Amino acid sequence: MGIFDSLRSALGLAAERDATRAADPEDLFGMSTAYVTMQADLGYDPSGEAALCFSGVDSSGFEAMRGEVRAILEAGEKETGTEADFVGDAHGYQWVVLADDDPEDLVTTTHFVADTFIEEGFGSRLLAALFAFQKEGTTAYWVYSFRRGAYYPFVPTGRRERDSSAEFKLESVLDGELTIEDEKEYWYPLWPEGDAHPWGGESQG
């Protein structure tokens, strides 16, 4: 099984079958306070980047919704300063990549995109939301699985390696502030492409 076949299983069909609670876009607002704890208690600074991973579908309704989201994000950039890009990766997944130095704006925009997918009937296409943090050259992610309705930490340290002790530390400090996935088998690694983020890919304009 390939790495992104496993991703499809962990964040997709298998996770949906084994879901313990329904995903709720409101869960994303938990990051509004979590980023403060990440800085104050753990020394991780927000990287100013977040992303939503989703699987596309060949339908006019989906493309219309996608175009609407893109237009609103472009219009909102002047007000919030949140830059948005649609990226496709080599594995067939699509991403909405967001950049903003204000963590609150990142959370709000991520919620808007996810909520629009759900409101338009495409919530099943959402796989994960990622929020990136940095500390002493290390990037840590909080991953929200839409199929499990929970967060989990992911701290890659090299090619196909992760810092499990750092992840458990993040879990212990943020547990209660975020809804964290109890079953570690669903803490699936979203390996970065080279030195980039997991959403590394070509811009779709």
Protein backbone atom coordinates (compact mmCIF):
# COMPACT_ATOMS: atom_id res chain seq x y z
CA MET A 1 0.00 0.00 0.00
CA GLY A 2 1.43 3.38 -1.03
CA ILE A 3 1.82 6.26 1.36
CA PHE A 4 -1.15 8.18 0.01
CA ASP A 5 -3.26 5.05 -0.23
CA SER A 6 -2.63 4.80 3.50
CA LEU A 7 -3.58 8.46 3.85
CA ARG A 8 -6.84 7.77 2.08
CA SER A 9 -7.46 4.94 4.54
CA ALA A 10 -6.43 6.88 7.65
CA LEU A 11 -8.21 10.14 6.86
CA GLY A 12 -10.79 8.84 4.46
CA LEU A 13 -12.88 5.71 4.13
CA ALA A 14 -11.57 3.73 7.09
CA ALA A 15 -11.75 6.76 9.37
CA GLU A 16 -15.30 7.45 8.26
CA ARG A 17 -16.30 3.87 9.00
CA ASP A 18 -14.66 4.00 12.42
CA ALA A 19 -15.73 7.56 13.25
CA THR A 20 -16.44 8.18 16.91
CA ARG A 21 -17.93 11.66 16.52
CA ALA A 22 -19.06 13.82 13.64
CA ALA A 23 -16.65 16.47 12.41
CA ASP A 24 -17.69 20.00 13.28
CA PRO A 25 -16.07 23.05 11.64
CA GLU A 26 -16.53 24.84 14.97
CA ASP A 27 -13.74 22.60 16.30
CA LEU A 28 -11.33 24.65 14.21
CA PHE A 29 -11.89 27.64 16.49
CA GLY A 30 -10.14 25.67 19.24
CA MET A 31 -6.92 26.69 17.52
CA SER A 32 -7.67 30.33 18.43
CA THR A 33 -6.64 29.64 22.02
CA ALA A 34 -4.36 26.69 21.33
CA TYR A 35 -1.85 28.85 19.48
CA VAL A 36 -1.47 30.99 22.62
CA THR A 37 -0.73 27.89 24.69
CA MET A 38 1.69 26.64 22.03
CA GLN A 39 3.67 29.89 22.36
CA ALA A 40 3.44 30.55 26.08
CA ASP A 41 3.78 27.01 27.44
CA LEU A 42 5.70 25.16 24.73
CA GLY A 43 7.71 27.78 22.84
CA TYR A 44 6.20 27.06 19.42
CA ASP A 45 5.49 30.13 17.31
CA PRO A 46 2.73 30.10 14.67
CA SER A 47 4.37 29.79 11.25
CA GLY A 48 1.70 31.92 9.61
CA GLU A 49 0.53 29.02 7.45
CA ALA A 50 -2.41 26.66 7.41
CA ALA A 51 -4.01 24.41 4.81
CA LEU A 52 -7.09 22.34 4.05
CA CYS A 53 -6.70 19.01 2.25
CA PHE A 54 -9.59 17.69 0.18
CA SER A 55 -10.34 15.25 -2.60
CA GLY A 56 -11.98 16.71 -5.67
CA VAL A 57 -14.97 15.43 -7.58
CA ASP A 58 -15.79 15.82 -11.24
CA SER A 59 -19.03 17.79 -11.05
CA SER A 60 -20.18 21.23 -12.11
CA GLY A 61 -21.58 21.87 -8.63
CA PHE A 62 -18.23 21.20 -6.99
CA GLU A 63 -16.36 23.41 -9.45
CA ALA A 64 -18.90 26.20 -8.92
CA MET A 65 -18.46 25.97 -5.15
CA ARG A 66 -14.67 25.94 -5.53
CA GLY A 67 -14.83 29.02 -7.74
CA GLU A 68 -17.04 30.80 -5.22
CA VAL A 69 -14.61 30.05 -2.39
CA ARG A 70 -11.69 31.29 -4.48
CA ALA A 71 -13.49 34.55 -5.35
CA ILE A 72 -14.43 35.27 -1.74
CA LEU A 73 -10.90 34.54 -0.52
CA GLU A 74 -9.43 36.86 -3.15
CA ALA A 75 -11.85 39.62 -2.19
CA GLY A 76 -11.20 39.09 1.51
CA GLU A 77 -7.42 39.32 1.15
CA LYS A 78 -7.62 43.12 1.04
CA GLU A 79 -9.47 43.19 4.37
CA THR A 80 -7.74 40.43 6.34
CA GLY A 81 -4.40 40.13 4.56
CA THR A 82 -4.87 36.37 4.32
CA GLU A 83 -3.27 35.08 1.12
CA ALA A 84 -4.84 31.97 -0.39
CA ASP A 85 -3.73 29.56 -3.08
CA PHE A 86 -5.22 26.38 -4.51
CA VAL A 87 -2.57 23.68 -4.87
CA GLY A 88 -2.72 20.23 -6.41
CA ASP A 89 -0.20 17.57 -5.37
CA ALA A 90 1.23 14.65 -7.29
CA HIS A 91 -1.08 12.20 -5.53
CA GLY A 92 -4.36 13.65 -6.72
CA TYR A 93 -5.21 15.59 -3.57
CA GLN A 94 -6.06 19.27 -3.55
CA TRP A 95 -5.25 21.91 -0.96
CA VAL A 96 -6.35 25.39 -0.04
CA VAL A 97 -3.15 26.93 1.34
CA LEU A 98 -3.47 30.01 3.55
CA ALA A 99 -0.82 32.47 4.72
CA ASP A 100 -1.28 35.21 7.31
CA ASP A 101 0.82 36.44 10.23
CA ASP A 102 -2.36 36.81 12.29
CA PRO A 103 -3.32 33.36 13.67
CA GLU A 104 -6.88 34.50 14.33
CA ASP A 105 -7.36 35.37 10.65
CA LEU A 106 -5.93 31.99 9.64
CA VAL A 107 -8.36 30.14 11.88
CA THR A 108 -11.33 32.20 10.72
CA THR A 109 -10.51 31.72 7.05
CA THR A 110 -9.91 27.99 7.47
CA HIS A 111 -13.28 27.70 9.17
CA PHE A 112 -14.96 29.67 6.37
CA VAL A 113 -13.61 27.33 3.68
CA ALA A 114 -14.52 24.17 5.59
CA ASP A 115 -17.98 25.49 6.45
CA THR A 116 -18.63 26.38 2.82
CA PHE A 117 -17.74 22.85 1.70
CA ILE A 118 -20.19 21.43 4.22
CA GLU A 119 -22.97 23.93 3.54
CA GLU A 120 -22.74 23.21 -0.20
CA GLY A 121 -22.97 19.45 0.38
CA PHE A 122 -19.30 18.58 -0.18
CA GLY A 123 -18.24 17.99 3.42
CA SER A 124 -17.39 14.39 2.57
CA ARG A 125 -14.57 15.66 0.34
CA LEU A 126 -12.75 17.31 3.27
CA LEU A 127 -9.91 15.23 4.69
CA ALA A 128 -7.86 17.40 7.04
CA ALA A 129 -6.95 20.89 8.20
CA LEU A 130 -3.33 21.58 9.16
CA PHE A 131 -1.94 24.39 11.31
CA ALA A 132 1.84 24.83 11.32
CA PHE A 133 4.11 25.96 14.18
CA GLN A 134 7.87 26.41 14.44
CA LYS A 135 10.41 26.00 17.22
CA GLU A 136 14.20 26.05 16.83
CA GLY A 137 14.06 24.96 13.20
CA THR A 138 11.46 22.26 13.78
CA THR A 139 7.98 22.44 12.29
CA ALA A 140 5.10 20.93 14.22
CA TYR A 141 1.57 20.53 12.93
CA TRP A 142 -1.82 20.19 14.51
CA VAL A 143 -3.90 18.09 12.13
CA TYR A 144 -7.69 18.10 12.31
CA SER A 145 -9.24 14.99 10.74
CA PHE A 146 -12.67 15.75 9.36
CA ARG A 147 -13.49 12.04 9.27
CA ARG A 148 -12.65 11.53 12.94
CA GLY A 149 -13.73 14.91 14.31
CA ALA A 150 -10.50 15.27 16.28
CA TYR A 151 -7.01 16.76 16.27
CA TYR A 152 -3.65 15.07 16.53
CA PRO A 153 -0.06 16.42 16.61
CA PHE A 154 2.51 15.63 13.95
CA VAL A 155 6.19 16.58 14.28
CA PRO A 156 8.32 15.39 11.34
CA THR A 157 12.08 15.45 11.97
CA GLY A 158 13.48 14.04 8.75
CA ARG A 159 12.67 11.82 5.84
CA ARG A 160 9.93 9.48 7.10
CA GLU A 161 10.87 10.16 10.73
CA ARG A 162 8.82 11.83 13.46
CA ASP A 163 9.46 13.04 17.00
CA SER A 164 7.00 10.96 19.00
CA SER A 165 8.12 12.40 22.34
CA ALA A 166 7.37 15.93 21.12
CA GLU A 167 3.98 14.78 19.86
CA PHE A 168 3.10 13.22 23.22
CA LYS A 169 4.19 16.44 24.95
CA LEU A 170 1.89 18.45 22.69
CA GLU A 171 -0.92 16.04 23.43
CA SER A 172 -0.45 16.27 27.19
CA VAL A 173 -0.43 20.07 27.25
CA LEU A 174 -3.28 20.69 24.77
CA ASP A 175 -5.55 17.83 25.85
CA GLY A 176 -8.76 19.41 27.04
CA GLU A 177 -8.16 22.58 25.05
CA LEU A 178 -8.45 20.65 21.78
CA THR A 179 -10.45 17.50 21.07
CA ILE A 180 -7.54 15.10 20.56
CA GLU A 181 -7.73 11.74 18.81
CA ASP A 182 -7.47 9.00 21.45
CA GLU A 183 -6.52 6.20 19.08
CA LYS A 184 -2.89 6.70 18.08
CA GLU A 185 -3.35 4.59 14.94
CA TYR A 186 -5.12 7.61 13.47
CA TRP A 187 -2.17 9.93 14.15
CA TYR A 188 -1.24 9.51 10.52
CA PRO A 189 2.02 11.13 9.32
CA LEU A 190 1.55 13.59 6.47
CA TRP A 191 5.12 13.57 5.25
CA PRO A 192 6.38 16.80 3.71
CA GLU A 193 7.55 16.81 0.11
CA GLY A 194 11.29 17.41 0.50
CA ASP A 195 11.81 20.40 2.80
CA ALA A 196 8.36 21.79 2.06
CA HIS A 197 5.09 21.35 3.88
CA PRO A 198 2.82 18.34 3.24
CA TRP A 199 0.86 20.52 0.83
CA GLY A 200 3.84 21.06 -1.48
CA GLY A 201 2.60 21.08 -5.07
CA GLU A 202 1.85 23.18 -8.09
CA SER A 203 -0.37 26.23 -7.81
CA GLN A 204 -3.65 25.99 -9.67
CA GLY A 205 -3.86 29.76 -9.90
